[in-house]
């Protein structure tokens, strides 16, 4: 009986030690995964910050900022020009996360439009391309083509003998007929 008790105690201790060893192994793997994920987040954050700073230094960004006073006068609303990094595009990208996409965005009141699309090469750590999207141009053209209020003078014509018969017709054909009669 003494040996049975010792054997039972030995088996229980062996199982307990094995389970603790397995738990330590999984804990170490979890720690490694967390550390790798943290390093990836830090790298992404560094790339995002570098890309954002480079976008703020672009000539195109400063040109759009220079248009703000004129747009505010024309629209009489708050106008903002911002540089935005798209953090979701690198997850869907086929290039394996080597390219970031950002936008120079123009906000006029509640209307928001991307004026430029900027791509950043994460390997070279610099801006690769800058494309004008045309969305900002539509807003600017709409601002330029808004009709200004001008007062039009209305003239009242006196009716002639010919005009009494043609009350429902336009004046333009009647004038054309008169010009043809003169020739």
C-alpha atoms as a PDB file:
ATOM      1  CA  UNK A   1       0.000   0.000   0.000  1.00  0.00           C
ATOM      2  CA  UNK A   2       2.883   2.237   0.745  1.00  0.00           C
ATOM      3  CA  UNK A   3       4.265   1.674  -2.731  1.00  0.00           C
ATOM      4  CA  UNK A   4       0.885   2.329  -4.354  1.00  0.00           C
ATOM      5  CA  UNK A   5       0.594   5.641  -2.570  1.00  0.00           C
ATOM      6  CA  UNK A   6       4.119   6.652  -3.598  1.00  0.00           C
ATOM      7  CA  UNK A   7       3.493   5.575  -7.174  1.00  0.00           C
ATOM      8  CA  UNK A   8       0.232   7.601  -7.315  1.00  0.00           C
ATOM      9  CA  UNK A   9       1.989  10.654  -5.871  1.00  0.00           C
ATOM     10  CA  UNK A  10       4.799  10.278  -8.418  1.00  0.00           C
ATOM     11  CA  UNK A  11       2.328  10.095 -11.340  1.00  0.00           C
ATOM     12  CA  UNK A  12       0.432  13.195 -10.204  1.00  0.00           C
ATOM     13  CA  UNK A  13       3.635  15.189  -9.774  1.00  0.00           C
ATOM     14  CA  UNK A  14       4.858  14.139 -13.214  1.00  0.00           C
ATOM     15  CA  UNK A  15       1.630  15.287 -14.879  1.00  0.00           C
ATOM     16  CA  UNK A  16       1.677  18.564 -12.947  1.00  0.00           C
ATOM     17  CA  UNK A  17       5.275  19.335 -13.888  1.00  0.00           C
ATOM     18  CA  UNK A  18       4.595  18.521 -17.555  1.00  0.00           C
ATOM     19  CA  UNK A  19       1.567  20.821 -17.675  1.00  0.00           C
ATOM     20  CA  UNK A  20       3.531  23.669 -16.052  1.00  0.00           C
ATOM     21  CA  UNK A  21       6.341  23.238 -18.572  1.00  0.00           C
ATOM     22  CA  UNK A  22       3.840  23.353 -21.449  1.00  0.00           C
ATOM     23  CA  UNK A  23       2.234  26.491 -20.000  1.00  0.00           C
ATOM     24  CA  UNK A  24       5.606  28.230 -19.779  1.00  0.00           C
ATOM     25  CA  UNK A  25       6.292  27.349 -23.424  1.00  0.00           C
ATOM     26  CA  UNK A  26       2.968  28.844 -24.608  1.00  0.00           C
ATOM     27  CA  UNK A  27       3.512  31.913 -22.427  1.00  0.00           C
ATOM     28  CA  UNK A  28       6.900  32.469 -24.077  1.00  0.00           C
ATOM     29  CA  UNK A  29       5.358  32.103 -27.569  1.00  0.00           C
ATOM     30  CA  UNK A  30       2.632  34.614 -26.682  1.00  0.00           C
ATOM     31  CA  UNK A  31       5.258  37.038 -25.414  1.00  0.00           C
ATOM     32  CA  UNK A  32       7.233  36.661 -28.662  1.00  0.00           C
ATOM     33  CA  UNK A  33       4.089  37.313 -30.731  1.00  0.00           C
ATOM     34  CA  UNK A  34       3.207  40.375 -28.663  1.00  0.00           C
ATOM     35  CA  UNK A  35       6.754  41.698 -28.999  1.00  0.00           C
ATOM     36  CA  UNK A  36       6.699  41.193 -32.797  1.00  0.00           C
ATOM     37  CA  UNK A  37       3.309  42.895 -33.084  1.00  0.00           C
ATOM     38  CA  UNK A  38       4.556  45.805 -30.974  1.00  0.00           C
ATOM     39  CA  UNK A  39       7.656  46.199 -33.151  1.00  0.00           C
ATOM     40  CA  UNK A  40       5.473  46.154 -36.290  1.00  0.00           C
ATOM     41  CA  UNK A  41       3.195  48.849 -34.806  1.00  0.00           C
ATOM     42  CA  UNK A  42       6.196  50.995 -33.933  1.00  0.00           C
ATOM     43  CA  UNK A  43       7.587  50.574 -37.464  1.00  0.00           C
ATOM     44  CA  UNK A  44       4.195  51.461 -38.992  1.00  0.00           C
ATOM     45  CA  UNK A  45       3.867  54.486 -36.733  1.00  0.00           C
ATOM     46  CA  UNK A  46       7.340  55.646 -37.704  1.00  0.00           C
ATOM     47  CA  UNK A  47       6.517  55.268 -41.413  1.00  0.00           C
ATOM     48  CA  UNK A  48       3.196  57.105 -41.002  1.00  0.00           C
ATOM     49  CA  UNK A  49       4.863  59.997 -39.184  1.00  0.00           C
ATOM     50  CA  UNK A  50       7.686  60.234 -41.730  1.00  0.00           C
ATOM     51  CA  UNK A  51       5.198  60.150 -44.620  1.00  0.00           C
ATOM     52  CA  UNK A  52       3.000  62.810 -42.996  1.00  0.00           C
ATOM     53  CA  UNK A  53       5.976  65.124 -42.435  1.00  0.00           C
ATOM     54  CA  UNK A  54       7.084  64.702 -46.052  1.00  0.00           C
ATOM     55  CA  UNK A  55       3.548  65.488 -47.284  1.00  0.00           C
ATOM     56  CA  UNK A  56       3.502  68.684 -45.219  1.00  0.00           C
ATOM     57  CA  UNK A  57       6.741  69.750 -46.904  1.00  0.00           C
ATOM     58  CA  UNK A  58       5.389  69.318 -50.459  1.00  0.00           C
ATOM     59  CA  UNK A  59       5.077  72.310 -52.786  1.00  0.00           C
ATOM     60  CA  UNK A  60       1.567  71.175 -53.771  1.00  0.00           C
ATOM     61  CA  UNK A  61       0.449  71.270 -50.150  1.00  0.00           C
ATOM     62  CA  UNK A  62       1.709  74.843 -49.737  1.00  0.00           C
ATOM     63  CA  UNK A  63       0.026  75.891 -53.003  1.00  0.00           C
ATOM     64  CA  UNK A  64      -3.304  74.554 -51.775  1.00  0.00           C
ATOM     65  CA  UNK A  65      -2.829  76.327 -48.429  1.00  0.00           C
ATOM     66  CA  UNK A  66      -2.227  79.580 -50.298  1.00  0.00           C
ATOM     67  CA  UNK A  67      -5.696  79.281 -51.910  1.00  0.00           C
ATOM     68  CA  UNK A  68      -7.485  79.236 -48.539  1.00  0.00           C
ATOM     69  CA  UNK A  69      -8.113  83.015 -48.166  1.00  0.00           C
ATOM     70  CA  UNK A  70      -9.642  83.310 -51.648  1.00  0.00           C
ATOM     71  CA  UNK A  71     -11.840  80.263 -51.123  1.00  0.00           C
ATOM     72  CA  UNK A  72     -13.014  81.584 -47.754  1.00  0.00           C
ATOM     73  CA  UNK A  73     -13.978  84.897 -49.314  1.00  0.00           C
ATOM     74  CA  UNK A  74     -15.828  83.204 -52.165  1.00  0.00           C
ATOM     75  CA  UNK A  75     -17.662  80.628 -50.050  1.00  0.00           C
ATOM     76  CA  UNK A  76     -17.971  82.459 -46.725  1.00  0.00           C
ATOM     77  CA  UNK A  77     -17.355  79.195 -44.829  1.00  0.00           C
ATOM     78  CA  UNK A  78     -14.374  77.648 -43.103  1.00  0.00           C
ATOM     79  CA  UNK A  79     -11.824  76.157 -45.514  1.00  0.00           C
ATOM     80  CA  UNK A  80      -9.172  73.668 -44.395  1.00  0.00           C
ATOM     81  CA  UNK A  81      -6.369  71.921 -46.263  1.00  0.00           C
ATOM     82  CA  UNK A  82      -5.010  68.836 -44.526  1.00  0.00           C
ATOM     83  CA  UNK A  83      -2.576  66.013 -45.245  1.00  0.00           C
ATOM     84  CA  UNK A  84      -4.046  62.603 -44.418  1.00  0.00           C
ATOM     85  CA  UNK A  85      -2.384  59.170 -44.393  1.00  0.00           C
ATOM     86  CA  UNK A  86      -4.688  56.272 -45.326  1.00  0.00           C
ATOM     87  CA  UNK A  87      -3.901  53.553 -42.791  1.00  0.00           C
ATOM     88  CA  UNK A  88      -6.317  50.992 -44.240  1.00  0.00           C
ATOM     89  CA  UNK A  89      -4.876  50.944 -47.769  1.00  0.00           C
ATOM     90  CA  UNK A  90      -1.663  49.135 -46.808  1.00  0.00           C
ATOM     91  CA  UNK A  91      -3.634  46.130 -45.530  1.00  0.00           C
ATOM     92  CA  UNK A  92      -5.400  45.625 -48.870  1.00  0.00           C
ATOM     93  CA  UNK A  93      -2.372  46.453 -50.982  1.00  0.00           C
ATOM     94  CA  UNK A  94      -0.924  43.757 -53.271  1.00  0.00           C
ATOM     95  CA  UNK A  95       2.593  45.139 -52.840  1.00  0.00           C
ATOM     96  CA  UNK A  96       2.839  43.501 -49.429  1.00  0.00           C
ATOM     97  CA  UNK A  97       2.614  46.687 -47.410  1.00  0.00           C
ATOM     98  CA  UNK A  98       5.527  48.369 -49.171  1.00  0.00           C
ATOM     99  CA  UNK A  99       3.444  51.365 -50.257  1.00  0.00           C
ATOM    100  CA  UNK A 100       1.396  53.829 -48.200  1.00  0.00           C
ATOM    101  CA  UNK A 101      -1.245  56.095 -49.693  1.00  0.00           C
ATOM    102  CA  UNK A 102      -2.036  59.586 -48.494  1.00  0.00           C
ATOM    103  CA  UNK A 103      -4.165  62.496 -49.620  1.00  0.00           C
ATOM    104  CA  UNK A 104      -4.015  66.270 -49.567  1.00  0.00           C
ATOM    105  CA  UNK A 105      -7.617  66.995 -48.677  1.00  0.00           C
ATOM    106  CA  UNK A 106      -9.559  70.224 -49.040  1.00  0.00           C
ATOM    107  CA  UNK A 107     -12.539  70.776 -46.736  1.00  0.00           C
ATOM    108  CA  UNK A 108     -14.913  73.585 -47.685  1.00  0.00           C
ATOM    109  CA  UNK A 109     -17.651  73.693 -45.109  1.00  0.00           C
ATOM    110  CA  UNK A 110     -19.167  70.207 -45.094  1.00  0.00           C
ATOM    111  CA  UNK A 111     -17.761  69.298 -48.518  1.00  0.00           C
ATOM    112  CA  UNK A 112     -14.537  67.324 -48.490  1.00  0.00           C
ATOM    113  CA  UNK A 113     -12.491  66.475 -51.583  1.00  0.00           C
ATOM    114  CA  UNK A 114      -9.114  64.884 -52.206  1.00  0.00           C
ATOM    115  CA  UNK A 115      -7.039  67.267 -54.289  1.00  0.00           C
ATOM    116  CA  UNK A 116      -3.880  65.123 -54.539  1.00  0.00           C
ATOM    117  CA  UNK A 117      -3.158  61.428 -54.071  1.00  0.00           C
ATOM    118  CA  UNK A 118       0.346  60.797 -52.730  1.00  0.00           C
ATOM    119  CA  UNK A 119       2.089  57.408 -52.528  1.00  0.00           C
ATOM    120  CA  UNK A 120       4.981  56.631 -50.207  1.00  0.00           C
ATOM    121  CA  UNK A 121       7.556  53.885 -50.761  1.00  0.00           C
ATOM    122  CA  UNK A 122       8.261  52.268 -47.388  1.00  0.00           C
ATOM    123  CA  UNK A 123      11.462  50.636 -48.617  1.00  0.00           C
ATOM    124  CA  UNK A 124      13.047  53.873 -49.892  1.00  0.00           C
ATOM    125  CA  UNK A 125      11.395  55.940 -47.125  1.00  0.00           C
ATOM    126  CA  UNK A 126      10.328  58.715 -49.502  1.00  0.00           C
ATOM    127  CA  UNK A 127       7.369  59.873 -51.581  1.00  0.00           C
ATOM    128  CA  UNK A 128       7.098  57.978 -54.860  1.00  0.00           C
ATOM    129  CA  UNK A 129       4.277  59.716 -56.782  1.00  0.00           C
ATOM    130  CA  UNK A 130       1.973  62.708 -56.540  1.00  0.00           C
ATOM    131  CA  UNK A 131      -1.223  62.682 -58.642  1.00  0.00           C
ATOM    132  CA  UNK A 132      -3.814  65.409 -58.938  1.00  0.00           C
ATOM    133  CA  UNK A 133      -7.202  63.758 -58.484  1.00  0.00           C
ATOM    134  CA  UNK A 134      -9.296  66.477 -60.088  1.00  0.00           C
ATOM    135  CA  UNK A 135     -11.798  66.549 -57.248  1.00  0.00           C
ATOM    136  CA  UNK A 136     -10.448  69.835 -55.949  1.00  0.00           C
ATOM    137  CA  UNK A 137     -10.629  71.331 -59.438  1.00  0.00           C
ATOM    138  CA  UNK A 138     -14.350  70.624 -59.581  1.00  0.00           C
ATOM    139  CA  UNK A 139     -14.828  72.553 -56.366  1.00  0.00           C
ATOM    140  CA  UNK A 140     -12.662  75.416 -57.626  1.00  0.00           C
ATOM    141  CA  UNK A 141     -14.445  75.510 -61.004  1.00  0.00           C
ATOM    142  CA  UNK A 142     -17.783  75.504 -59.243  1.00  0.00           C
ATOM    143  CA  UNK A 143     -16.601  78.459 -57.172  1.00  0.00           C
ATOM    144  CA  UNK A 144     -15.386  80.327 -60.253  1.00  0.00           C
ATOM    145  CA  UNK A 145     -18.512  79.665 -62.295  1.00  0.00           C
ATOM    146  CA  UNK A 146     -21.021  80.716 -59.669  1.00  0.00           C
ATOM    147  CA  UNK A 147     -23.036  83.478 -61.242  1.00  0.00           C
ATOM    148  CA  UNK A 148     -22.676  86.841 -59.634  1.00  0.00           C
ATOM    149  CA  UNK A 149     -25.806  88.810 -59.050  1.00  0.00           C
ATOM    150  CA  UNK A 150     -26.141  91.480 -61.676  1.00  0.00           C
ATOM    151  CA  UNK A 151     -29.068  93.702 -62.184  1.00  0.00           C
ATOM    152  CA  UNK A 152     -30.646  93.317 -65.575  1.00  0.00           C
ATOM    153  CA  UNK A 153     -32.678  96.144 -66.971  1.00  0.00           C
ATOM    154  CA  UNK A 154     -36.025  95.144 -68.337  1.00  0.00           C
ATOM    155  CA  UNK A 155     -37.331  97.065 -71.272  1.00  0.00           C
ATOM    156  CA  UNK A 156     -40.943  97.296 -72.170  1.00  0.00           C
ATOM    157  CA  UNK A 157     -41.653  97.415 -75.870  1.00  0.00           C
ATOM    158  CA  UNK A 158     -44.487  99.312 -77.345  1.00  0.00           C
ATOM    159  CA  UNK A 159     -46.709  97.214 -79.522  1.00  0.00           C
ATOM    160  CA  UNK A 160     -46.728  97.916 -83.234  1.00  0.00           C
ATOM    161  CA  UNK A 161     -49.392  96.933 -85.719  1.00  0.00           C
ATOM    162  CA  UNK A 162     -47.472  93.724 -86.556  1.00  0.00           C
ATOM    163  CA  UNK A 163     -47.037  92.806 -82.901  1.00  0.00           C
ATOM    164  CA  UNK A 164     -50.784  92.907 -82.158  1.00  0.00           C
ATOM    165  CA  UNK A 165     -51.377  89.863 -84.332  1.00  0.00           C
ATOM    166  CA  UNK A 166     -48.519  87.792 -82.886  1.00  0.00           C
ATOM    167  CA  UNK A 167     -48.899  87.976 -79.106  1.00  0.00           C
ATOM    168  CA  UNK A 168     -47.980  84.309 -78.592  1.00  0.00           C
ATOM    169  CA  UNK A 169     -44.826  84.208 -80.747  1.00  0.00           C
ATOM    170  CA  UNK A 170     -41.274  85.115 -79.763  1.00  0.00           C
ATOM    171  CA  UNK A 171     -39.797  88.497 -80.602  1.00  0.00           C
ATOM    172  CA  UNK A 172     -36.715  86.994 -82.250  1.00  0.00           C
ATOM    173  CA  UNK A 173     -38.514  85.524 -85.317  1.00  0.00           C
ATOM    174  CA  UNK A 174     -40.435  88.771 -85.773  1.00  0.00           C
ATOM    175  CA  UNK A 175     -37.203  90.755 -85.824  1.00  0.00           C
ATOM    176  CA  UNK A 176     -35.700  88.304 -88.264  1.00  0.00           C
ATOM    177  CA  UNK A 177     -38.638  88.719 -90.612  1.00  0.00           C
ATOM    178  CA  UNK A 178     -38.345  92.516 -90.409  1.00  0.00           C
ATOM    179  CA  UNK A 179     -34.628  92.301 -91.234  1.00  0.00           C
ATOM    180  CA  UNK A 180     -35.421  90.112 -94.230  1.00  0.00           C
ATOM    181  CA  UNK A 181     -38.068  92.585 -95.430  1.00  0.00           C
ATOM    182  CA  UNK A 182     -35.597  95.445 -95.351  1.00  0.00           C
ATOM    183  CA  UNK A 183     -33.161  93.676 -97.634  1.00  0.00           C
END
